[in-house]
Amino acid sequence: MLPNSSVTPNAAGCVLYIKHMVCARGVRMVRRELEGLGLRVLDVRLGAATVVGPADILDWARIREALATAGFALLESPAQQLVARVKQAVDELLHRPDTLRHRDFIPTLAKELGVSSRQLHACFAQVPGHESLLGYITRRRLHYAQQLLATSRLDIGRIARQLGYGSLAHFSGQFRRFAQCSPSVYRQQLEAGILLTKDIVAHLNN
């Protein structure tokens, strides 16, 4: 666990480390803000609050926004800050018109962010409850594949190439494990109305 991280998992729940809590009034305000988000608060003390739930299912954007509105802030480690930058850059790279092959994606990502590939892998490993960098990139790539299947008429081979897959078989195999059906069946279900396109797109954009 890194020093000054905004979250520490423990047996009871998740500990959030919070700046600008300097008195009993601040403790009460933080408890009220967290409970207002529907969180079950186990404890609040100066500089920290413990809530029920693993780190990977908490809505960090809402927590951060609620605390900021009340005049507080989550303490964030350098690793967490880099992870946030990585996530934004991954989506930007996936949506670029120039195709990036699998083997080129992480080196390009590292170059764009001005860090080494080793640092990228390490920052994901240091954030509690987070998946690996490669796992995250694969998941976002397949999310984007779902979006393209739902909103475009591109053939499946073109989608595979656009997402950087070297072969249709590789893409189809990963997609099947991810979505529990092949890309062609997924699109057929969309066209048959079994899946709702607008709901899928809204989900994928979150």
C-alpha atoms as a PDB file:
ATOM      1  CA  MET A   1       0.000   0.000   0.000  1.00  0.00           C
ATOM      2  CA  LEU A   2       1.398   3.401  -0.925  1.00  0.00           C
ATOM      3  CA  PRO A   3       1.710   6.173   1.673  1.00  0.00           C
ATOM      4  CA  ASN A   4      -0.983   8.883   1.466  1.00  0.00           C
ATOM      5  CA  SER A   5      -3.281   6.691  -0.621  1.00  0.00           C
ATOM      6  CA  SER A   6      -6.915   7.773  -0.501  1.00  0.00           C
ATOM      7  CA  VAL A   7      -8.159   4.262   0.305  1.00  0.00           C
ATOM      8  CA  THR A   8      -7.026   1.321   2.386  1.00  0.00           C
ATOM      9  CA  PRO A   9      -8.949  -1.976   2.489  1.00  0.00           C
ATOM     10  CA  ASN A  10      -9.361  -3.645   5.864  1.00  0.00           C
ATOM     11  CA  ALA A  11     -11.474  -6.394   7.400  1.00  0.00           C
ATOM     12  CA  ALA A  12     -14.275  -4.007   8.335  1.00  0.00           C
ATOM     13  CA  GLY A  13     -14.527  -1.973   5.164  1.00  0.00           C
ATOM     14  CA  CYS A  14     -12.742   0.666   3.109  1.00  0.00           C
ATOM     15  CA  VAL A  15     -10.827   3.524   4.783  1.00  0.00           C
ATOM     16  CA  LEU A  16     -10.930   6.828   2.893  1.00  0.00           C
ATOM     17  CA  TYR A  17      -8.237   9.368   3.770  1.00  0.00           C
ATOM     18  CA  ILE A  18      -9.642  12.873   3.555  1.00  0.00           C
ATOM     19  CA  LYS A  19      -8.035  16.316   3.604  1.00  0.00           C
ATOM     20  CA  HIS A  20      -9.352  19.405   5.438  1.00  0.00           C
ATOM     21  CA  MET A  21     -11.072  17.536   8.293  1.00  0.00           C
ATOM     22  CA  VAL A  22      -9.799  19.613  11.205  1.00  0.00           C
ATOM     23  CA  CYS A  23     -12.569  19.560  13.804  1.00  0.00           C
ATOM     24  CA  ALA A  24     -15.632  17.709  15.076  1.00  0.00           C
ATOM     25  CA  ARG A  25     -17.849  19.719  12.731  1.00  0.00           C
ATOM     26  CA  GLY A  26     -15.834  18.416   9.780  1.00  0.00           C
ATOM     27  CA  VAL A  27     -16.308  14.855  11.015  1.00  0.00           C
ATOM     28  CA  ARG A  28     -20.071  15.353  11.133  1.00  0.00           C
ATOM     29  CA  MET A  29     -20.138  16.928   7.672  1.00  0.00           C
ATOM     30  CA  VAL A  30     -18.133  14.094   6.115  1.00  0.00           C
ATOM     31  CA  ARG A  31     -20.432  11.497   7.677  1.00  0.00           C
ATOM     32  CA  ARG A  32     -23.478  13.350   6.347  1.00  0.00           C
ATOM     33  CA  GLU A  33     -22.039  13.615   2.826  1.00  0.00           C
ATOM     34  CA  LEU A  34     -21.103   9.933   2.668  1.00  0.00           C
ATOM     35  CA  GLU A  35     -24.429   8.768   4.077  1.00  0.00           C
ATOM     36  CA  GLY A  36     -26.155  11.070   1.581  1.00  0.00           C
ATOM     37  CA  LEU A  37     -24.550   8.981  -1.170  1.00  0.00           C
ATOM     38  CA  GLY A  38     -26.169   5.869   0.293  1.00  0.00           C
ATOM     39  CA  LEU A  39     -22.948   4.560   1.838  1.00  0.00           C
ATOM     40  CA  ARG A  40     -22.960   2.701   5.136  1.00  0.00           C
ATOM     41  CA  VAL A  41     -20.463   4.599   7.286  1.00  0.00           C
ATOM     42  CA  LEU A  42     -18.758   2.558   9.987  1.00  0.00           C
ATOM     43  CA  ASP A  43     -16.548   5.266  11.463  1.00  0.00           C
ATOM     44  CA  VAL A  44     -15.403   8.845  10.871  1.00  0.00           C
ATOM     45  CA  ARG A  45     -12.435  10.430  12.601  1.00  0.00           C
ATOM     46  CA  LEU A  46     -10.160  13.340  11.814  1.00  0.00           C
ATOM     47  CA  GLY A  47      -8.565  12.646   8.446  1.00  0.00           C
ATOM     48  CA  ALA A  48     -10.331   9.357   7.677  1.00  0.00           C
ATOM     49  CA  ALA A  49     -13.690   7.628   7.207  1.00  0.00           C
ATOM     50  CA  THR A  50     -14.464   3.915   6.995  1.00  0.00           C
ATOM     51  CA  VAL A  51     -17.301   2.724   4.769  1.00  0.00           C
ATOM     52  CA  VAL A  52     -18.714  -0.704   3.967  1.00  0.00           C
ATOM     53  CA  GLY A  53     -17.790  -2.192   0.591  1.00  0.00           C
ATOM     54  CA  PRO A  54     -14.673  -3.140  -1.379  1.00  0.00           C
ATOM     55  CA  ALA A  55     -12.799  -0.327  -3.116  1.00  0.00           C
ATOM     56  CA  ASP A  56     -13.556  -1.570  -6.623  1.00  0.00           C
ATOM     57  CA  ILE A  57     -17.351  -1.174  -6.306  1.00  0.00           C
ATOM     58  CA  LEU A  58     -17.421   2.314  -4.776  1.00  0.00           C
ATOM     59  CA  ASP A  59     -18.425   5.220  -7.009  1.00  0.00           C
ATOM     60  CA  TRP A  60     -15.250   7.270  -6.569  1.00  0.00           C
ATOM     61  CA  ALA A  61     -16.353  10.090  -8.884  1.00  0.00           C
ATOM     62  CA  ARG A  62     -19.487  10.745  -6.785  1.00  0.00           C
ATOM     63  CA  ILE A  63     -17.574  10.466  -3.509  1.00  0.00           C
ATOM     64  CA  ARG A  64     -14.918  12.860  -4.724  1.00  0.00           C
ATOM     65  CA  GLU A  65     -17.499  15.344  -5.998  1.00  0.00           C
ATOM     66  CA  ALA A  66     -19.606  15.248  -2.802  1.00  0.00           C
ATOM     67  CA  LEU A  67     -16.579  15.790  -0.587  1.00  0.00           C
ATOM     68  CA  ALA A  68     -15.271  18.602  -2.789  1.00  0.00           C
ATOM     69  CA  THR A  69     -18.641  20.363  -2.677  1.00  0.00           C
ATOM     70  CA  ALA A  70     -18.494  20.253   1.128  1.00  0.00           C
ATOM     71  CA  GLY A  71     -14.939  21.619   1.166  1.00  0.00           C
ATOM     72  CA  PHE A  72     -13.014  18.361   1.609  1.00  0.00           C
ATOM     73  CA  ALA A  73     -10.839  16.272  -0.701  1.00  0.00           C
ATOM     74  CA  LEU A  74      -9.657  12.691  -1.025  1.00  0.00           C
ATOM     75  CA  LEU A  75      -5.941  12.186  -0.613  1.00  0.00           C
ATOM     76  CA  GLU A  76      -4.698  10.592  -3.814  1.00  0.00           C
ATOM     77  CA  SER A  77      -1.468   8.719  -4.323  1.00  0.00           C
ATOM     78  CA  PRO A  78       0.718   9.234  -7.428  1.00  0.00           C
ATOM     79  CA  ALA A  79      -0.329   5.750  -8.568  1.00  0.00           C
ATOM     80  CA  GLN A  80      -4.028   6.648  -8.440  1.00  0.00           C
ATOM     81  CA  GLN A  81      -3.419   9.871 -10.333  1.00  0.00           C
ATOM     82  CA  LEU A  82      -1.523   7.985 -13.041  1.00  0.00           C
ATOM     83  CA  VAL A  83      -4.263   5.331 -13.271  1.00  0.00           C
ATOM     84  CA  ALA A  84      -6.827   8.085 -13.911  1.00  0.00           C
ATOM     85  CA  ARG A  85      -4.640   9.501 -16.706  1.00  0.00           C
ATOM     86  CA  VAL A  86      -4.130   6.025 -18.164  1.00  0.00           C
ATOM     87  CA  LYS A  87      -7.868   5.357 -18.313  1.00  0.00           C
ATOM     88  CA  GLN A  88      -8.501   8.553 -20.235  1.00  0.00           C
ATOM     89  CA  ALA A  89      -5.606   7.906 -22.620  1.00  0.00           C
ATOM     90  CA  VAL A  90      -6.708   4.294 -23.288  1.00  0.00           C
ATOM     91  CA  ASP A  91     -10.123   5.424 -24.524  1.00  0.00           C
ATOM     92  CA  GLU A  92      -8.577   8.195 -26.627  1.00  0.00           C
ATOM     93  CA  LEU A  93      -6.196   5.731 -28.295  1.00  0.00           C
ATOM     94  CA  LEU A  94      -8.963   3.199 -28.974  1.00  0.00           C
ATOM     95  CA  HIS A  95     -11.080   5.844 -30.696  1.00  0.00           C
ATOM     96  CA  ARG A  96      -8.327   7.151 -32.956  1.00  0.00           C
ATOM     97  CA  PRO A  97      -8.688   6.376 -36.665  1.00  0.00           C
ATOM     98  CA  ASP A  98      -5.130   5.000 -36.897  1.00  0.00           C
ATOM     99  CA  THR A  99      -5.152   1.371 -35.774  1.00  0.00           C
ATOM    100  CA  LEU A 100      -2.834   0.296 -32.954  1.00  0.00           C
ATOM    101  CA  ARG A 101      -1.856  -3.362 -32.888  1.00  0.00           C
ATOM    102  CA  HIS A 102      -1.982  -5.176 -29.544  1.00  0.00           C
ATOM    103  CA  ARG A 103       1.792  -5.267 -29.210  1.00  0.00           C
ATOM    104  CA  ASP A 104       2.078  -1.513 -29.885  1.00  0.00           C
ATOM    105  CA  PHE A 105      -0.678  -0.319 -27.569  1.00  0.00           C
ATOM    106  CA  ILE A 106       1.102  -0.212 -24.200  1.00  0.00           C
ATOM    107  CA  PRO A 107       4.386   1.232 -25.594  1.00  0.00           C
ATOM    108  CA  THR A 108       2.355   3.948 -27.359  1.00  0.00           C
ATOM    109  CA  LEU A 109       0.360   4.602 -24.184  1.00  0.00           C
ATOM    110  CA  ALA A 110       3.577   4.934 -22.173  1.00  0.00           C
ATOM    111  CA  LYS A 111       5.060   7.335 -24.740  1.00  0.00           C
ATOM    112  CA  GLU A 112       1.917   9.494 -24.716  1.00  0.00           C
ATOM    113  CA  LEU A 113       2.007   9.755 -20.920  1.00  0.00           C
ATOM    114  CA  GLY A 114       5.748  10.238 -20.668  1.00  0.00           C
ATOM    115  CA  VAL A 115       6.410   7.191 -18.469  1.00  0.00           C
ATOM    116  CA  SER A 116       7.786   3.689 -18.975  1.00  0.00           C
ATOM    117  CA  SER A 117       5.675   0.618 -19.680  1.00  0.00           C
ATOM    118  CA  ARG A 118       6.946  -0.811 -16.383  1.00  0.00           C
ATOM    119  CA  GLN A 119       5.568   2.228 -14.504  1.00  0.00           C
ATOM    120  CA  LEU A 120       2.168   1.747 -16.148  1.00  0.00           C
ATOM    121  CA  HIS A 121       1.965  -1.892 -15.070  1.00  0.00           C
ATOM    122  CA  ALA A 122       3.199  -1.008 -11.569  1.00  0.00           C
ATOM    123  CA  CYS A 123       0.681   1.783 -10.983  1.00  0.00           C
ATOM    124  CA  PHE A 124      -2.244  -0.540 -11.725  1.00  0.00           C
ATOM    125  CA  ALA A 125      -0.777  -3.181  -9.411  1.00  0.00           C
ATOM    126  CA  GLN A 126      -0.466  -0.644  -6.569  1.00  0.00           C
ATOM    127  CA  VAL A 127      -4.090   0.549  -6.599  1.00  0.00           C
ATOM    128  CA  PRO A 128      -6.212  -1.686  -4.300  1.00  0.00           C
ATOM    129  CA  GLY A 129      -8.948  -3.732  -5.916  1.00  0.00           C
ATOM    130  CA  HIS A 130      -7.857  -2.866  -9.458  1.00  0.00           C
ATOM    131  CA  GLU A 131      -7.428  -5.180 -12.422  1.00  0.00           C
ATOM    132  CA  SER A 132      -4.172  -5.427 -14.349  1.00  0.00           C
ATOM    133  CA  LEU A 133      -3.290  -2.887 -17.019  1.00  0.00           C
ATOM    134  CA  LEU A 134      -3.608  -5.494 -19.778  1.00  0.00           C
ATOM    135  CA  GLY A 135      -6.949  -6.647 -18.374  1.00  0.00           C
ATOM    136  CA  TYR A 136      -8.243  -3.076 -18.310  1.00  0.00           C
ATOM    137  CA  ILE A 137      -7.158  -2.368 -21.896  1.00  0.00           C
ATOM    138  CA  THR A 138      -8.730  -5.610 -23.128  1.00  0.00           C
ATOM    139  CA  ARG A 139     -11.992  -4.853 -21.339  1.00  0.00           C
ATOM    140  CA  ARG A 140     -12.183  -1.327 -22.773  1.00  0.00           C
ATOM    141  CA  ARG A 141     -11.326  -2.641 -26.260  1.00  0.00           C
ATOM    142  CA  LEU A 142     -14.170  -5.159 -26.061  1.00  0.00           C
ATOM    143  CA  HIS A 143     -16.558  -2.571 -24.654  1.00  0.00           C
ATOM    144  CA  TYR A 144     -15.761  -0.465 -27.719  1.00  0.00           C
ATOM    145  CA  ALA A 145     -16.344  -3.499 -29.941  1.00  0.00           C
ATOM    146  CA  GLN A 146     -19.829  -3.822 -28.429  1.00  0.00           C
ATOM    147  CA  GLN A 147     -20.446  -0.161 -29.136  1.00  0.00           C
ATOM    148  CA  LEU A 148     -19.365  -0.503 -32.769  1.00  0.00           C
ATOM    149  CA  LEU A 149     -21.548  -3.579 -33.226  1.00  0.00           C
ATOM    150  CA  ALA A 150     -24.477  -1.649 -31.763  1.00  0.00           C
ATOM    151  CA  THR A 151     -24.078   1.656 -33.592  1.00  0.00           C
ATOM    152  CA  SER A 152     -22.291   0.986 -36.905  1.00  0.00           C
ATOM    153  CA  ARG A 153     -22.716  -1.228 -39.947  1.00  0.00           C
ATOM    154  CA  LEU A 154     -19.030  -2.108 -40.107  1.00  0.00           C
ATOM    155  CA  ASP A 155     -18.486  -5.786 -40.797  1.00  0.00           C
ATOM    156  CA  ILE A 156     -16.965  -7.818 -37.988  1.00  0.00           C
ATOM    157  CA  GLY A 157     -13.611  -8.239 -39.731  1.00  0.00           C
ATOM    158  CA  ARG A 158     -13.314  -4.455 -40.107  1.00  0.00           C
ATOM    159  CA  ILE A 159     -14.146  -3.955 -36.429  1.00  0.00           C
ATOM    160  CA  ALA A 160     -11.467  -6.477 -35.459  1.00  0.00           C
ATOM    161  CA  ARG A 161      -8.871  -4.656 -37.579  1.00  0.00           C
ATOM    162  CA  GLN A 162      -9.949  -1.239 -36.289  1.00  0.00           C
ATOM    163  CA  LEU A 163      -9.420  -2.433 -32.727  1.00  0.00           C
ATOM    164  CA  GLY A 164      -5.927  -3.727 -33.484  1.00  0.00           C
ATOM    165  CA  TYR A 165      -6.558  -7.480 -33.612  1.00  0.00           C
ATOM    166  CA  GLY A 166      -4.229  -9.440 -35.858  1.00  0.00           C
ATOM    167  CA  SER A 167      -6.915 -11.952 -36.774  1.00  0.00           C
ATOM    168  CA  LEU A 168     -10.675 -12.326 -36.732  1.00  0.00           C
ATOM    169  CA  ALA A 169     -10.300 -15.552 -34.761  1.00  0.00           C
ATOM    170  CA  HIS A 170      -8.407 -13.788 -31.950  1.00  0.00           C
ATOM    171  CA  PHE A 171     -11.039 -11.039 -31.754  1.00  0.00           C
ATOM    172  CA  SER A 172     -13.961 -13.483 -31.858  1.00  0.00           C
ATOM    173  CA  GLY A 173     -12.423 -15.660 -29.150  1.00  0.00           C
ATOM    174  CA  GLN A 174     -11.881 -12.739 -26.767  1.00  0.00           C
ATOM    175  CA  PHE A 175     -15.307 -11.295 -27.537  1.00  0.00           C
ATOM    176  CA  ARG A 176     -17.016 -14.630 -26.873  1.00  0.00           C
ATOM    177  CA  ARG A 177     -15.352 -14.921 -23.449  1.00  0.00           C
ATOM    178  CA  PHE A 178     -16.288 -11.329 -22.644  1.00  0.00           C
ATOM    179  CA  ALA A 179     -19.883 -11.187 -23.894  1.00  0.00           C
ATOM    180  CA  GLN A 180     -20.785 -14.901 -23.683  1.00  0.00           C
ATOM    181  CA  CYS A 181     -21.585 -15.000 -27.399  1.00  0.00           C
ATOM    182  CA  SER A 182     -19.869 -14.387 -30.738  1.00  0.00           C
ATOM    183  CA  PRO A 183     -19.816 -10.903 -32.327  1.00  0.00           C
ATOM    184  CA  SER A 184     -22.241 -12.033 -35.053  1.00  0.00           C
ATOM    185  CA  VAL A 185     -24.711 -13.449 -32.530  1.00  0.00           C
ATOM    186  CA  TYR A 186     -24.386 -10.275 -30.456  1.00  0.00           C
ATOM    187  CA  ARG A 187     -25.325  -8.138 -33.467  1.00  0.00           C
ATOM    188  CA  GLN A 188     -28.200 -10.502 -34.357  1.00  0.00           C
ATOM    189  CA  GLN A 189     -29.566 -10.132 -30.832  1.00  0.00           C
ATOM    190  CA  LEU A 190     -29.401  -6.362 -31.208  1.00  0.00           C
ATOM    191  CA  GLU A 191     -31.239  -6.469 -34.519  1.00  0.00           C
ATOM    192  CA  ALA A 192     -33.861  -8.807 -33.086  1.00  0.00           C
ATOM    193  CA  GLY A 193     -34.462  -6.456 -30.183  1.00  0.00           C
ATOM    194  CA  ILE A 194     -33.235  -8.946 -27.591  1.00  0.00           C
ATOM    195  CA  LEU A 195     -30.658  -6.361 -26.532  1.00  0.00           C
ATOM    196  CA  LEU A 196     -31.534  -2.660 -26.384  1.00  0.00           C
ATOM    197  CA  THR A 197     -28.991  -0.593 -28.334  1.00  0.00           C
ATOM    198  CA  LYS A 198     -29.560   2.663 -26.454  1.00  0.00           C
ATOM    199  CA  ASP A 199     -29.169   0.967 -23.084  1.00  0.00           C
ATOM    200  CA  ILE A 200     -25.968  -0.755 -24.196  1.00  0.00           C
ATOM    201  CA  VAL A 201     -24.434   2.471 -25.499  1.00  0.00           C
ATOM    202  CA  ALA A 202     -25.370   4.343 -22.311  1.00  0.00           C
ATOM    203  CA  HIS A 203     -23.777   1.565 -20.229  1.00  0.00           C
ATOM    204  CA  LEU A 204     -20.606   1.471 -22.303  1.00  0.00           C
ATOM    205  CA  ASN A 205     -20.127   5.238 -22.079  1.00  0.00           C
ATOM    206  CA  ASN A 206     -20.150   5.184 -18.276  1.00  0.00           C
END
